[in-house]
Amino acid sequence: MKSFGTMIKLDGSNWQVWKSKMKDILYSKDLHDHIEGDNAKSKKMTDKEWEKLYRKVIGYIRMWIDVSMFHHVSGETNAKSLWKKFEDLYEKKTAENKTFIMKRLVNLKFKE
C-alpha cells in the first residue's frame, strides 16, 4: 500500500485537520467527486465499475477513522452521505472550531 505520509485517524477531536488531509488523498486518487461534486455515473462506466469506485471512496475514508468512530458510519453505503454524516457531527460552531479557523487564517501565506 502506498504511504500517505502523516495521515491521522479521525477521533472526533481532529475533524478539521483530518478533513483536509482526507480530501487531499481523495483528490490524489481522483475519487473526490463522490463526496463533493457530481456523483453521477460516467456513460463510459459499467454499473459494476461505478460501484467499485464508490466502495474505494468509502474504504479510504473508513481506513482513516478511529475504531471509536466507526459505529457512526458502519451502515453507510453512499460516500456522499457518509461524508455528510461526518460534517453534521463535527462541523458545529464551537469555540474550538472558530479558534482552529482563526489560526489557519493568521498563518496564511501569499504565494506567487
PDB file of N, CA and C in Angstrom:
ATOM      1  N   MET A   1       0.845  -1.183   0.000  1.00  0.00           N
ATOM      2  CA  MET A   1       0.000   0.000   0.000  1.00  0.00           C
ATOM      3  C   MET A   1       0.885   1.240   0.000  1.00  0.00           C
ATOM      4  N   LYS A   2       0.508   2.225  -0.734  1.00  0.00           N
ATOM      5  CA  LYS A   2       1.242   3.460  -0.830  1.00  0.00           C
ATOM      6  C   LYS A   2       1.114   4.249   0.475  1.00  0.00           C
ATOM      7  N   SER A   3       2.192   4.855   0.924  1.00  0.00           N
ATOM      8  CA  SER A   3       2.195   5.625   2.159  1.00  0.00           C
ATOM      9  C   SER A   3       1.504   6.966   1.947  1.00  0.00           C
ATOM     10  N   PHE A   4       0.756   7.402   2.963  1.00  0.00           N
ATOM     11  CA  PHE A   4       0.080   8.695   2.911  1.00  0.00           C
ATOM     12  C   PHE A   4       0.747   9.690   3.840  1.00  0.00           C
ATOM     13  N   GLY A   5       2.020   9.461   4.167  1.00  0.00           N
ATOM     14  CA  GLY A   5       2.763  10.414   4.980  1.00  0.00           C
ATOM     15  C   GLY A   5       2.222  10.486   6.389  1.00  0.00           C
ATOM     16  N   THR A   6       1.786  11.653   6.770  1.00  0.00           N
ATOM     17  CA  THR A   6       1.359  11.875   8.144  1.00  0.00           C
ATOM     18  C   THR A   6      -0.162  11.856   8.300  1.00  0.00           C
ATOM     19  N   MET A   7      -0.832  11.029   7.562  1.00  0.00           N
ATOM     20  CA  MET A   7      -2.282  10.936   7.699  1.00  0.00           C
ATOM     21  C   MET A   7      -2.622  10.481   9.100  1.00  0.00           C
ATOM     22  N   ILE A   8      -3.673  11.069   9.641  1.00  0.00           N
ATOM     23  CA  ILE A   8      -4.108  10.763  11.003  1.00  0.00           C
ATOM     24  C   ILE A   8      -5.491  10.136  10.960  1.00  0.00           C
ATOM     25  N   LYS A   9      -5.828   9.415  11.997  1.00  0.00           N
ATOM     26  CA  LYS A   9      -7.161   8.827  12.090  1.00  0.00           C
ATOM     27  C   LYS A   9      -8.105   9.822  12.738  1.00  0.00           C
ATOM     28  N   LEU A  10      -9.312   9.895  12.209  1.00  0.00           N
ATOM     29  CA  LEU A  10     -10.338  10.754  12.787  1.00  0.00           C
ATOM     30  C   LEU A  10     -10.749  10.195  14.139  1.00  0.00           C
ATOM     31  N   ASP A  11     -10.647  11.034  15.168  1.00  0.00           N
ATOM     32  CA  ASP A  11     -11.028  10.584  16.505  1.00  0.00           C
ATOM     33  C   ASP A  11     -12.103  11.462  17.134  1.00  0.00           C
ATOM     34  N   GLY A  12     -12.633  12.387  16.375  1.00  0.00           N
ATOM     35  CA  GLY A  12     -13.678  13.262  16.882  1.00  0.00           C
ATOM     36  C   GLY A  12     -13.166  14.622  17.301  1.00  0.00           C
ATOM     37  N   SER A  13     -11.891  14.708  17.649  1.00  0.00           N
ATOM     38  CA  SER A  13     -11.339  15.990  18.095  1.00  0.00           C
ATOM     39  C   SER A  13     -10.493  16.663  17.019  1.00  0.00           C
ATOM     40  N   ASN A  14     -10.257  15.983  15.923  1.00  0.00           N
ATOM     41  CA  ASN A  14      -9.343  16.491  14.900  1.00  0.00           C
ATOM     42  C   ASN A  14     -10.009  16.599  13.518  1.00  0.00           C
ATOM     43  N   TRP A  15     -11.291  16.855  13.492  1.00  0.00           N
ATOM     44  CA  TRP A  15     -12.066  16.868  12.252  1.00  0.00           C
ATOM     45  C   TRP A  15     -11.471  17.784  11.181  1.00  0.00           C
ATOM     46  N   GLN A  16     -11.161  19.022  11.523  1.00  0.00           N
ATOM     47  CA  GLN A  16     -10.724  19.977  10.507  1.00  0.00           C
ATOM     48  C   GLN A  16      -9.424  19.533   9.824  1.00  0.00           C
ATOM     49  N   VAL A  17      -8.478  19.061  10.587  1.00  0.00           N
ATOM     50  CA  VAL A  17      -7.215  18.590  10.007  1.00  0.00           C
ATOM     51  C   VAL A  17      -7.454  17.320   9.199  1.00  0.00           C
ATOM     52  N   TRP A  18      -8.181  16.375   9.800  1.00  0.00           N
ATOM     53  CA  TRP A  18      -8.464  15.111   9.120  1.00  0.00           C
ATOM     54  C   TRP A  18      -9.199  15.346   7.803  1.00  0.00           C
ATOM     55  N   LYS A  19     -10.186  16.225   7.836  1.00  0.00           N
ATOM     56  CA  LYS A  19     -10.987  16.518   6.636  1.00  0.00           C
ATOM     57  C   LYS A  19     -10.095  17.010   5.489  1.00  0.00           C
ATOM     58  N   SER A  20      -9.201  17.943   5.789  1.00  0.00           N
ATOM     59  CA  SER A  20      -8.305  18.469   4.752  1.00  0.00           C
ATOM     60  C   SER A  20      -7.394  17.384   4.197  1.00  0.00           C
ATOM     61  N   LYS A  21      -6.835  16.587   5.067  1.00  0.00           N
ATOM     62  CA  LYS A  21      -5.936  15.520   4.635  1.00  0.00           C
ATOM     63  C   LYS A  21      -6.684  14.448   3.841  1.00  0.00           C
ATOM     64  N   MET A  22      -7.892  14.110   4.277  1.00  0.00           N
ATOM     65  CA  MET A  22      -8.672  13.095   3.558  1.00  0.00           C
ATOM     66  C   MET A  22      -9.053  13.595   2.175  1.00  0.00           C
ATOM     67  N   LYS A  23      -9.428  14.853   2.071  1.00  0.00           N
ATOM     68  CA  LYS A  23      -9.743  15.406   0.749  1.00  0.00           C
ATOM     69  C   LYS A  23      -8.521  15.343  -0.157  1.00  0.00           C
ATOM     70  N   ASP A  24      -7.341  15.624   0.394  1.00  0.00           N
ATOM     71  CA  ASP A  24      -6.112  15.533  -0.401  1.00  0.00           C
ATOM     72  C   ASP A  24      -5.912  14.116  -0.929  1.00  0.00           C
ATOM     73  N   ILE A  25      -6.128  13.141  -0.075  1.00  0.00           N
ATOM     74  CA  ILE A  25      -5.988  11.739  -0.504  1.00  0.00           C
ATOM     75  C   ILE A  25      -6.982  11.422  -1.605  1.00  0.00           C
ATOM     76  N   LEU A  26      -8.237  11.816  -1.409  1.00  0.00           N
ATOM     77  CA  LEU A  26      -9.266  11.507  -2.409  1.00  0.00           C
ATOM     78  C   LEU A  26      -8.994  12.230  -3.724  1.00  0.00           C
ATOM     79  N   TYR A  27      -8.501  13.474  -3.657  1.00  0.00           N
ATOM     80  CA  TYR A  27      -8.133  14.184  -4.885  1.00  0.00           C
ATOM     81  C   TYR A  27      -6.981  13.477  -5.588  1.00  0.00           C
ATOM     82  N   SER A  28      -5.988  13.047  -4.819  1.00  0.00           N
ATOM     83  CA  SER A  28      -4.840  12.392  -5.442  1.00  0.00           C
ATOM     84  C   SER A  28      -5.223  11.066  -6.095  1.00  0.00           C
ATOM     85  N   LYS A  29      -6.280  10.437  -5.616  1.00  0.00           N
ATOM     86  CA  LYS A  29      -6.768   9.180  -6.195  1.00  0.00           C
ATOM     87  C   LYS A  29      -7.885   9.424  -7.216  1.00  0.00           C
ATOM     88  N   ASP A  30      -8.202  10.707  -7.465  1.00  0.00           N
ATOM     89  CA  ASP A  30      -9.284  11.109  -8.368  1.00  0.00           C
ATOM     90  C   ASP A  30     -10.623  10.497  -7.948  1.00  0.00           C
ATOM     91  N   LEU A  31     -10.882  10.519  -6.646  1.00  0.00           N
ATOM     92  CA  LEU A  31     -12.121   9.972  -6.101  1.00  0.00           C
ATOM     93  C   LEU A  31     -12.960  11.030  -5.380  1.00  0.00           C
ATOM     94  N   HIS A  32     -12.580  12.285  -5.483  1.00  0.00           N
ATOM     95  CA  HIS A  32     -13.228  13.354  -4.740  1.00  0.00           C
ATOM     96  C   HIS A  32     -14.660  13.655  -5.182  1.00  0.00           C
ATOM     97  N   ASP A  33     -14.980  13.392  -6.436  1.00  0.00           N
ATOM     98  CA  ASP A  33     -16.335  13.678  -6.924  1.00  0.00           C
ATOM     99  C   ASP A  33     -17.401  12.963  -6.101  1.00  0.00           C
ATOM    100  N   HIS A  34     -17.038  11.842  -5.552  1.00  0.00           N
ATOM    101  CA  HIS A  34     -18.008  11.040  -4.810  1.00  0.00           C
ATOM    102  C   HIS A  34     -18.437  11.690  -3.498  1.00  0.00           C
ATOM    103  N   ILE A  35     -17.654  12.622  -2.981  1.00  0.00           N
ATOM    104  CA  ILE A  35     -18.047  13.266  -1.732  1.00  0.00           C
ATOM    105  C   ILE A  35     -18.466  14.714  -1.896  1.00  0.00           C
ATOM    106  N   GLU A  36     -18.030  15.374  -2.953  1.00  0.00           N
ATOM    107  CA  GLU A  36     -18.334  16.793  -3.012  1.00  0.00           C
ATOM    108  C   GLU A  36     -18.834  17.304  -4.357  1.00  0.00           C
ATOM    109  N   GLY A  37     -18.738  16.532  -5.355  1.00  0.00           N
ATOM    110  CA  GLY A  37     -19.113  17.045  -6.664  1.00  0.00           C
ATOM    111  C   GLY A  37     -20.193  16.217  -7.306  1.00  0.00           C
ATOM    112  N   ASP A  38     -20.060  16.082  -8.574  1.00  0.00           N
ATOM    113  CA  ASP A  38     -21.001  15.315  -9.363  1.00  0.00           C
ATOM    114  C   ASP A  38     -20.750  13.834  -9.114  1.00  0.00           C
ATOM    115  N   ASN A  39     -21.733  13.162  -8.572  1.00  0.00           N
ATOM    116  CA  ASN A  39     -21.540  11.733  -8.332  1.00  0.00           C
ATOM    117  C   ASN A  39     -22.384  10.896  -9.295  1.00  0.00           C
ATOM    118  N   ALA A  40     -22.668  11.492 -10.452  1.00  0.00           N
ATOM    119  CA  ALA A  40     -23.386  10.752 -11.482  1.00  0.00           C
ATOM    120  C   ALA A  40     -22.408   9.837 -12.217  1.00  0.00           C
ATOM    121  N   LYS A  41     -22.876   8.685 -12.535  1.00  0.00           N
ATOM    122  CA  LYS A  41     -22.042   7.694 -13.209  1.00  0.00           C
ATOM    123  C   LYS A  41     -21.703   8.150 -14.624  1.00  0.00           C
ATOM    124  N   SER A  42     -20.439   7.994 -14.991  1.00  0.00           N
ATOM    125  CA  SER A  42     -19.985   8.293 -16.340  1.00  0.00           C
ATOM    126  C   SER A  42     -20.640   7.297 -17.307  1.00  0.00           C
ATOM    127  N   LYS A  43     -20.945   7.761 -18.504  1.00  0.00           N
ATOM    128  CA  LYS A  43     -21.566   6.885 -19.504  1.00  0.00           C
ATOM    129  C   LYS A  43     -20.611   5.785 -19.963  1.00  0.00           C
ATOM    130  N   LYS A  44     -19.309   6.028 -19.773  1.00  0.00           N
ATOM    131  CA  LYS A  44     -18.309   5.044 -20.190  1.00  0.00           C
ATOM    132  C   LYS A  44     -18.175   3.894 -19.194  1.00  0.00           C
ATOM    133  N   MET A  45     -18.690   4.078 -17.984  1.00  0.00           N
ATOM    134  CA  MET A  45     -18.517   3.085 -16.915  1.00  0.00           C
ATOM    135  C   MET A  45     -19.695   2.128 -16.823  1.00  0.00           C
ATOM    136  N   THR A  46     -19.363   0.934 -16.463  1.00  0.00           N
ATOM    137  CA  THR A  46     -20.421  -0.033 -16.159  1.00  0.00           C
ATOM    138  C   THR A  46     -20.879   0.191 -14.726  1.00  0.00           C
ATOM    139  N   ASP A  47     -22.042  -0.360 -14.394  1.00  0.00           N
ATOM    140  CA  ASP A  47     -22.536  -0.253 -13.023  1.00  0.00           C
ATOM    141  C   ASP A  47     -21.559  -0.884 -12.034  1.00  0.00           C
ATOM    142  N   LYS A  48     -20.946  -1.974 -12.440  1.00  0.00           N
ATOM    143  CA  LYS A  48     -20.000  -2.675 -11.572  1.00  0.00           C
ATOM    144  C   LYS A  48     -18.760  -1.812 -11.306  1.00  0.00           C
ATOM    145  N   GLU A  49     -18.237  -1.148 -12.331  1.00  0.00           N
ATOM    146  CA  GLU A  49     -17.085  -0.266 -12.168  1.00  0.00           C
ATOM    147  C   GLU A  49     -17.420   0.915 -11.257  1.00  0.00           C
ATOM    148  N   TRP A  50     -18.625   1.454 -11.442  1.00  0.00           N
ATOM    149  CA  TRP A  50     -19.060   2.583 -10.625  1.00  0.00           C
ATOM    150  C   TRP A  50     -19.191   2.183  -9.154  1.00  0.00           C
ATOM    151  N   GLU A  51     -19.768   1.040  -8.906  1.00  0.00           N
ATOM    152  CA  GLU A  51     -19.908   0.533  -7.544  1.00  0.00           C
ATOM    153  C   GLU A  51     -18.536   0.317  -6.903  1.00  0.00           C
ATOM    154  N   LYS A  52     -17.594  -0.164  -7.694  1.00  0.00           N
ATOM    155  CA  LYS A  52     -16.240  -0.393  -7.182  1.00  0.00           C
ATOM    156  C   LYS A  52     -15.588   0.931  -6.763  1.00  0.00           C
ATOM    157  N   LEU A  53     -15.763   1.983  -7.564  1.00  0.00           N
ATOM    158  CA  LEU A  53     -15.224   3.293  -7.208  1.00  0.00           C
ATOM    159  C   LEU A  53     -15.844   3.808  -5.908  1.00  0.00           C
ATOM    160  N   TYR A  54     -17.160   3.649  -5.782  1.00  0.00           N
ATOM    161  CA  TYR A  54     -17.848   4.071  -4.557  1.00  0.00           C
ATOM    162  C   TYR A  54     -17.282   3.351  -3.353  1.00  0.00           C
ATOM    163  N   ARG A  55     -17.085   2.060  -3.480  1.00  0.00           N
ATOM    164  CA  ARG A  55     -16.542   1.278  -2.371  1.00  0.00           C
ATOM    165  C   ARG A  55     -15.110   1.699  -2.039  1.00  0.00           C
ATOM    166  N   LYS A  56     -14.335   2.106  -3.058  1.00  0.00           N
ATOM    167  CA  LYS A  56     -12.981   2.600  -2.809  1.00  0.00           C
ATOM    168  C   LYS A  56     -13.012   3.857  -1.952  1.00  0.00           C
ATOM    169  N   VAL A  57     -13.890   4.776  -2.303  1.00  0.00           N
ATOM    170  CA  VAL A  57     -14.009   6.022  -1.535  1.00  0.00           C
ATOM    171  C   VAL A  57     -14.379   5.714  -0.091  1.00  0.00           C
ATOM    172  N   ILE A  58     -15.396   4.907   0.081  1.00  0.00           N
ATOM    173  CA  ILE A  58     -15.828   4.534   1.427  1.00  0.00           C
ATOM    174  C   ILE A  58     -14.698   3.820   2.168  1.00  0.00           C
ATOM    175  N   GLY A  59     -13.980   2.963   1.478  1.00  0.00           N
ATOM    176  CA  GLY A  59     -12.860   2.246   2.081  1.00  0.00           C
ATOM    177  C   GLY A  59     -11.752   3.174   2.542  1.00  0.00           C
ATOM    178  N   TYR A  60     -11.376   4.148   1.704  1.00  0.00           N
ATOM    179  CA  TYR A  60     -10.343   5.101   2.103  1.00  0.00           C
ATOM    180  C   TYR A  60     -10.776   5.903   3.319  1.00  0.00           C
ATOM    181  N   ILE A  61     -12.009   6.329   3.326  1.00  0.00           N
ATOM    182  CA  ILE A  61     -12.494   7.111   4.464  1.00  0.00           C
ATOM    183  C   ILE A  61     -12.498   6.260   5.733  1.00  0.00           C
ATOM    184  N   ARG A  62     -13.057   5.078   5.660  1.00  0.00           N
ATOM    185  CA  ARG A  62     -13.131   4.215   6.843  1.00  0.00           C
ATOM    186  C   ARG A  62     -11.757   3.766   7.327  1.00  0.00           C
ATOM    187  N   MET A  63     -10.794   3.659   6.422  1.00  0.00           N
ATOM    188  CA  MET A  63      -9.448   3.253   6.791  1.00  0.00           C
ATOM    189  C   MET A  63      -8.828   4.262   7.766  1.00  0.00           C
ATOM    190  N   TRP A  64      -9.243   5.504   7.662  1.00  0.00           N
ATOM    191  CA  TRP A  64      -8.633   6.571   8.437  1.00  0.00           C
ATOM    192  C   TRP A  64      -9.559   7.143   9.503  1.00  0.00           C
ATOM    193  N   ILE A  65     -10.434   6.314  10.042  1.00  0.00           N
ATOM    194  CA  ILE A  65     -11.220   6.733  11.206  1.00  0.00           C
ATOM    195  C   ILE A  65     -10.905   5.797  12.361  1.00  0.00           C
ATOM    196  N   ASP A  66     -10.911   6.351  13.535  1.00  0.00           N
ATOM    197  CA  ASP A  66     -10.656   5.572  14.733  1.00  0.00           C
ATOM    198  C   ASP A  66     -11.798   4.582  14.942  1.00  0.00           C
ATOM    199  N   VAL A  67     -11.472   3.459  15.534  1.00  0.00           N
ATOM    200  CA  VAL A  67     -12.483   2.419  15.765  1.00  0.00           C
ATOM    201  C   VAL A  67     -13.647   2.958  16.608  1.00  0.00           C
ATOM    202  N   SER A  68     -13.385   3.925  17.465  1.00  0.00           N
ATOM    203  CA  SER A  68     -14.445   4.504  18.287  1.00  0.00           C
ATOM    204  C   SER A  68     -15.437   5.329  17.470  1.00  0.00           C
ATOM    205  N   MET A  69     -15.075   5.707  16.244  1.00  0.00           N
ATOM    206  CA  MET A  69     -15.952   6.496  15.374  1.00  0.00           C
ATOM    207  C   MET A  69     -16.695   5.619  14.371  1.00  0.00           C
ATOM    208  N   PHE A  70     -16.272   4.379  14.246  1.00  0.00           N
ATOM    209  CA  PHE A  70     -16.774   3.502  13.192  1.00  0.00           C
ATOM    210  C   PHE A  70     -18.284   3.281  13.264  1.00  0.00           C
ATOM    211  N   HIS A  71     -18.837   3.246  14.468  1.00  0.00           N
ATOM    212  CA  HIS A  71     -20.272   2.995  14.597  1.00  0.00           C
ATOM    213  C   HIS A  71     -21.123   4.075  13.926  1.00  0.00           C
ATOM    214  N   HIS A  72     -20.573   5.275  13.761  1.00  0.00           N
ATOM    215  CA  HIS A  72     -21.311   6.364  13.107  1.00  0.00           C
ATOM    216  C   HIS A  72     -21.526   6.094  11.620  1.00  0.00           C
ATOM    217  N   VAL A  73     -20.630   5.322  11.002  1.00  0.00           N
ATOM    218  CA  VAL A  73     -20.665   5.168   9.547  1.00  0.00           C
ATOM    219  C   VAL A  73     -20.671   3.721   9.085  1.00  0.00           C
ATOM    220  N   SER A  74     -20.809   2.788   9.992  1.00  0.00           N
ATOM    221  CA  SER A  74     -20.705   1.377   9.616  1.00  0.00           C
ATOM    222  C   SER A  74     -21.775   0.941   8.618  1.00  0.00           C
ATOM    223  N   GLY A  75     -22.930   1.558   8.641  1.00  0.00           N
ATOM    224  CA  GLY A  75     -24.003   1.166   7.734  1.00  0.00           C
ATOM    225  C   GLY A  75     -24.078   1.957   6.447  1.00  0.00           C
ATOM    226  N   GLU A  76     -23.227   2.938   6.286  1.00  0.00           N
ATOM    227  CA  GLU A  76     -23.275   3.792   5.096  1.00  0.00           C
ATOM    228  C   GLU A  76     -22.730   3.078   3.867  1.00  0.00           C
ATOM    229  N   THR A  77     -23.458   3.180   2.773  1.00  0.00           N
ATOM    230  CA  THR A  77     -23.003   2.605   1.507  1.00  0.00           C
ATOM    231  C   THR A  77     -22.867   3.674   0.433  1.00  0.00           C
ATOM    232  N   ASN A  78     -23.182   4.914   0.779  1.00  0.00           N
ATOM    233  CA  ASN A  78     -23.079   6.028  -0.155  1.00  0.00           C
ATOM    234  C   ASN A  78     -22.016   6.988   0.371  1.00  0.00           C
ATOM    235  N   ALA A  79     -20.997   7.262  -0.434  1.00  0.00           N
ATOM    236  CA  ALA A  79     -19.865   8.076   0.010  1.00  0.00           C
ATOM    237  C   ALA A  79     -20.283   9.498   0.375  1.00  0.00           C
ATOM    238  N   LYS A  80     -21.163  10.076  -0.408  1.00  0.00           N
ATOM    239  CA  LYS A  80     -21.575  11.457  -0.134  1.00  0.00           C
ATOM    240  C   LYS A  80     -22.346  11.553   1.181  1.00  0.00           C
ATOM    241  N   SER A  81     -23.231  10.605   1.445  1.00  0.00           N
ATOM    242  CA  SER A  81     -23.980  10.642   2.708  1.00  0.00           C
ATOM    243  C   SER A  81     -23.076  10.313   3.893  1.00  0.00           C
ATOM    244  N   LEU A  82     -22.062   9.471   3.677  1.00  0.00           N
ATOM    245  CA  LEU A  82     -21.082   9.189   4.722  1.00  0.00           C
ATOM    246  C   LEU A  82     -20.328  10.469   5.085  1.00  0.00           C
ATOM    247  N   TRP A  83     -19.883  11.205   4.085  1.00  0.00           N
ATOM    248  CA  TRP A  83     -19.172  12.461   4.308  1.00  0.00           C
ATOM    249  C   TRP A  83     -20.075  13.474   5.003  1.00  0.00           C
ATOM    250  N   LYS A  84     -21.320  13.547   4.557  1.00  0.00           N
ATOM    251  CA  LYS A  84     -22.287  14.477   5.147  1.00  0.00           C
ATOM    252  C   LYS A  84     -22.527  14.152   6.617  1.00  0.00           C
ATOM    253  N   LYS A  85     -22.565  12.882   6.943  1.00  0.00           N
ATOM    254  CA  LYS A  85     -22.764  12.473   8.324  1.00  0.00           C
ATOM    255  C   LYS A  85     -21.627  13.000   9.209  1.00  0.00           C
ATOM    256  N   PHE A  86     -20.382  12.902   8.720  1.00  0.00           N
ATOM    257  CA  PHE A  86     -19.258  13.442   9.480  1.00  0.00           C
ATOM    258  C   PHE A  86     -19.365  14.964   9.608  1.00  0.00           C
ATOM    259  N   GLU A  87     -19.738  15.626   8.526  1.00  0.00           N
ATOM    260  CA  GLU A  87     -19.895  17.084   8.599  1.00  0.00           C
ATOM    261  C   GLU A  87     -20.946  17.460   9.630  1.00  0.00           C
ATOM    262  N   ASP A  88     -22.057  16.754   9.628  1.00  0.00           N
ATOM    263  CA  ASP A  88     -23.119  17.040  10.601  1.00  0.00           C
ATOM    264  C   ASP A  88     -22.648  16.817  12.032  1.00  0.00           C
ATOM    265  N   LEU A  89     -21.809  15.813  12.222  1.00  0.00           N
ATOM    266  CA  LEU A  89     -21.312  15.505  13.562  1.00  0.00           C
ATOM    267  C   LEU A  89     -20.269  16.501  14.056  1.00  0.00           C
ATOM    268  N   TYR A  90     -19.389  16.950  13.178  1.00  0.00           N
ATOM    269  CA  TYR A  90     -18.209  17.676  13.627  1.00  0.00           C
ATOM    270  C   TYR A  90     -18.097  19.124  13.198  1.00  0.00           C
ATOM    271  N   GLU A  91     -18.967  19.601  12.337  1.00  0.00           N
ATOM    272  CA  GLU A  91     -18.844  20.990  11.911  1.00  0.00           C
ATOM    273  C   GLU A  91     -19.813  21.883  12.668  1.00  0.00           C
ATOM    274  N   LYS A  92     -19.834  21.697  13.939  1.00  0.00           N
ATOM    275  CA  LYS A  92     -20.640  22.557  14.798  1.00  0.00           C
ATOM    276  C   LYS A  92     -19.856  23.834  15.046  1.00  0.00           C
ATOM    277  N   LYS A  93     -20.569  24.893  15.287  1.00  0.00           N
ATOM    278  CA  LYS A  93     -19.915  26.171  15.525  1.00  0.00           C
ATOM    279  C   LYS A  93     -19.481  26.258  16.989  1.00  0.00           C
ATOM    280  N   THR A  94     -18.388  25.611  17.266  1.00  0.00           N
ATOM    281  CA  THR A  94     -17.853  25.624  18.619  1.00  0.00           C
ATOM    282  C   THR A  94     -16.676  26.580  18.693  1.00  0.00           C
ATOM    283  N   ALA A  95     -16.309  26.934  19.896  1.00  0.00           N
ATOM    284  CA  ALA A  95     -15.166  27.821  20.093  1.00  0.00           C
ATOM    285  C   ALA A  95     -13.889  27.181  19.551  1.00  0.00           C
ATOM    286  N   GLU A  96     -13.752  25.877  19.707  1.00  0.00           N
ATOM    287  CA  GLU A  96     -12.567  25.175  19.208  1.00  0.00           C
ATOM    288  C   GLU A  96     -12.465  25.284  17.690  1.00  0.00           C
ATOM    289  N   ASN A  97     -13.580  25.086  16.978  1.00  0.00           N
ATOM    290  CA  ASN A  97     -13.565  25.203  15.513  1.00  0.00           C
ATOM    291  C   ASN A  97     -13.235  26.622  15.079  1.00  0.00           C
ATOM    292  N   LYS A  98     -13.796  27.615  15.771  1.00  0.00           N
ATOM    293  CA  LYS A  98     -13.509  29.006  15.430  1.00  0.00           C
ATOM    294  C   LYS A  98     -12.040  29.323  15.654  1.00  0.00           C
ATOM    295  N   THR A  99     -11.476  28.815  16.742  1.00  0.00           N
ATOM    296  CA  THR A  99     -10.061  29.029  17.033  1.00  0.00           C
ATOM    297  C   THR A  99      -9.191  28.397  15.958  1.00  0.00           C
ATOM    298  N   PHE A 100      -9.532  27.179  15.556  1.00  0.00           N
ATOM    299  CA  PHE A 100      -8.768  26.493  14.514  1.00  0.00           C
ATOM    300  C   PHE A 100      -8.791  27.291  13.213  1.00  0.00           C
ATOM    301  N   ILE A 101      -9.949  27.784  12.829  1.00  0.00           N
ATOM    302  CA  ILE A 101     -10.080  28.552  11.592  1.00  0.00           C
ATOM    303  C   ILE A 101      -9.292  29.858  11.685  1.00  0.00           C
ATOM    304  N   MET A 102      -9.343  30.502  12.840  1.00  0.00           N
ATOM    305  CA  MET A 102      -8.598  31.744  13.014  1.00  0.00           C
ATOM    306  C   MET A 102      -7.088  31.496  12.909  1.00  0.00           C
ATOM    307  N   LYS A 103      -6.607  30.406  13.488  1.00  0.00           N
ATOM    308  CA  LYS A 103      -5.181  30.075  13.390  1.00  0.00           C
ATOM    309  C   LYS A 103      -4.777  29.853  11.939  1.00  0.00           C
ATOM    310  N   ARG A 104      -5.628  29.150  11.192  1.00  0.00           N
ATOM    311  CA  ARG A 104      -5.322  28.911   9.773  1.00  0.00           C
ATOM    312  C   ARG A 104      -5.298  30.225   8.998  1.00  0.00           C
ATOM    313  N   LEU A 105      -6.231  31.123   9.314  1.00  0.00           N
ATOM    314  CA  LEU A 105      -6.300  32.410   8.636  1.00  0.00           C
ATOM    315  C   LEU A 105      -5.053  33.247   8.939  1.00  0.00           C
ATOM    316  N   VAL A 106      -4.634  33.280  10.181  1.00  0.00           N
ATOM    317  CA  VAL A 106      -3.461  34.041  10.580  1.00  0.00           C
ATOM    318  C   VAL A 106      -2.201  33.488   9.926  1.00  0.00           C
ATOM    319  N   ASN A 107      -2.142  32.187   9.722  1.00  0.00           N
ATOM    320  CA  ASN A 107      -0.950  31.560   9.166  1.00  0.00           C
ATOM    321  C   ASN A 107      -0.933  31.462   7.640  1.00  0.00           C
ATOM    322  N   LEU A 108      -1.917  32.036   6.981  1.00  0.00           N
ATOM    323  CA  LEU A 108      -1.918  32.028   5.515  1.00  0.00           C
ATOM    324  C   LEU A 108      -0.745  32.827   4.976  1.00  0.00           C
ATOM    325  N   LYS A 109      -0.148  32.318   3.930  1.00  0.00           N
ATOM    326  CA  LYS A 109       0.980  33.000   3.305  1.00  0.00           C
ATOM    327  C   LYS A 109       0.705  33.167   1.823  1.00  0.00           C
ATOM    328  N   PHE A 110       1.058  34.313   1.309  1.00  0.00           N
ATOM    329  CA  PHE A 110       0.881  34.609  -0.098  1.00  0.00           C
ATOM    330  C   PHE A 110       1.923  33.869  -0.931  1.00  0.00           C
ATOM    331  N   LYS A 111       1.473  33.186  -1.984  1.00  0.00           N
ATOM    332  CA  LYS A 111       2.383  32.514  -2.915  1.00  0.00           C
ATOM    333  C   LYS A 111       2.147  33.057  -4.295  1.00  0.00           C
ATOM    334  N   GLU A 112       3.244  33.427  -4.945  1.00  0.00           N
ATOM    335  CA  GLU A 112       3.115  33.942  -6.315  1.00  0.00           C
ATOM    336  C   GLU A 112       3.037  32.826  -7.299  1.00  0.00           C
TER     337      GLU A 112
END
